[in-house]
């Protein structure tokens, strides 16, 4: 489980960034929120590895 959690967090970040990219033209506040959540997921994965 220790090795799987950062990989899952990075996959979640990719999913969130993809959603933010697809929503950018229609609803920018939601896209910004998804982007922030993606950054938090990447930060969590990095902190998990350190």
C-alpha atoms as a PDB file:
ATOM      1  CA  UNK A   1       0.000   0.000   0.000  1.00  0.00           C
ATOM      2  CA  UNK A   2       2.898   2.317   0.710  1.00  0.00           C
ATOM      3  CA  UNK A   3       4.076   2.225  -2.903  1.00  0.00           C
ATOM      4  CA  UNK A   4       0.611   2.387  -4.418  1.00  0.00           C
ATOM      5  CA  UNK A   5      -0.681   5.558  -2.735  1.00  0.00           C
ATOM      6  CA  UNK A   6       1.602   8.062  -4.561  1.00  0.00           C
ATOM      7  CA  UNK A   7       0.787   6.437  -7.892  1.00  0.00           C
ATOM      8  CA  UNK A   8      -2.924   6.730  -7.187  1.00  0.00           C
ATOM      9  CA  UNK A   9      -2.521  10.360  -6.152  1.00  0.00           C
ATOM     10  CA  UNK A  10      -0.668  11.145  -9.376  1.00  0.00           C
ATOM     11  CA  UNK A  11      -3.375   9.396 -11.388  1.00  0.00           C
ATOM     12  CA  UNK A  12      -5.993  11.438  -9.541  1.00  0.00           C
ATOM     13  CA  UNK A  13      -4.056  14.618 -10.325  1.00  0.00           C
ATOM     14  CA  UNK A  14      -4.014  13.734 -14.009  1.00  0.00           C
ATOM     15  CA  UNK A  15      -7.743  13.093 -13.943  1.00  0.00           C
ATOM     16  CA  UNK A  16      -8.361  16.430 -12.214  1.00  0.00           C
ATOM     17  CA  UNK A  17      -6.150  18.357 -14.644  1.00  0.00           C
ATOM     18  CA  UNK A  18      -7.924  16.730 -17.568  1.00  0.00           C
ATOM     19  CA  UNK A  19     -11.263  17.806 -16.142  1.00  0.00           C
ATOM     20  CA  UNK A  20      -9.979  21.320 -15.579  1.00  0.00           C
ATOM     21  CA  UNK A  21      -8.756  21.502 -19.166  1.00  0.00           C
ATOM     22  CA  UNK A  22     -12.061  20.317 -20.577  1.00  0.00           C
ATOM     23  CA  UNK A  23     -14.117  22.684 -18.397  1.00  0.00           C
ATOM     24  CA  UNK A  24     -11.975  25.783 -18.999  1.00  0.00           C
ATOM     25  CA  UNK A  25     -14.138  27.277 -21.775  1.00  0.00           C
ATOM     26  CA  UNK A  26     -17.496  26.671 -20.105  1.00  0.00           C
ATOM     27  CA  UNK A  27     -17.053  27.212 -16.354  1.00  0.00           C
ATOM     28  CA  UNK A  28     -13.783  28.789 -15.349  1.00  0.00           C
ATOM     29  CA  UNK A  29     -14.352  28.832 -11.546  1.00  0.00           C
ATOM     30  CA  UNK A  30     -14.950  25.078 -11.530  1.00  0.00           C
ATOM     31  CA  UNK A  31     -11.903  24.542 -13.734  1.00  0.00           C
ATOM     32  CA  UNK A  32      -9.771  26.583 -11.363  1.00  0.00           C
ATOM     33  CA  UNK A  33     -11.082  24.536  -8.440  1.00  0.00           C
ATOM     34  CA  UNK A  34     -10.195  21.297 -10.214  1.00  0.00           C
ATOM     35  CA  UNK A  35      -6.737  22.661 -10.992  1.00  0.00           C
ATOM     36  CA  UNK A  36      -6.169  23.552  -7.347  1.00  0.00           C
ATOM     37  CA  UNK A  37      -7.268  20.067  -6.302  1.00  0.00           C
ATOM     38  CA  UNK A  38      -4.858  18.613  -8.862  1.00  0.00           C
ATOM     39  CA  UNK A  39      -1.996  20.625  -7.416  1.00  0.00           C
ATOM     40  CA  UNK A  40      -2.915  19.408  -3.938  1.00  0.00           C
ATOM     41  CA  UNK A  41      -2.944  15.798  -5.164  1.00  0.00           C
ATOM     42  CA  UNK A  42       0.544  16.215  -6.649  1.00  0.00           C
ATOM     43  CA  UNK A  43       1.779  17.843  -3.450  1.00  0.00           C
ATOM     44  CA  UNK A  44       0.353  14.949  -1.443  1.00  0.00           C
ATOM     45  CA  UNK A  45       2.091  12.414  -3.665  1.00  0.00           C
ATOM     46  CA  UNK A  46       5.418  14.221  -3.349  1.00  0.00           C
ATOM     47  CA  UNK A  47       5.093  14.532   0.417  1.00  0.00           C
ATOM     48  CA  UNK A  48       4.157  10.851   0.653  1.00  0.00           C
ATOM     49  CA  UNK A  49       7.366   9.913  -1.176  1.00  0.00           C
ATOM     50  CA  UNK A  50       9.541  12.164   1.000  1.00  0.00           C
END
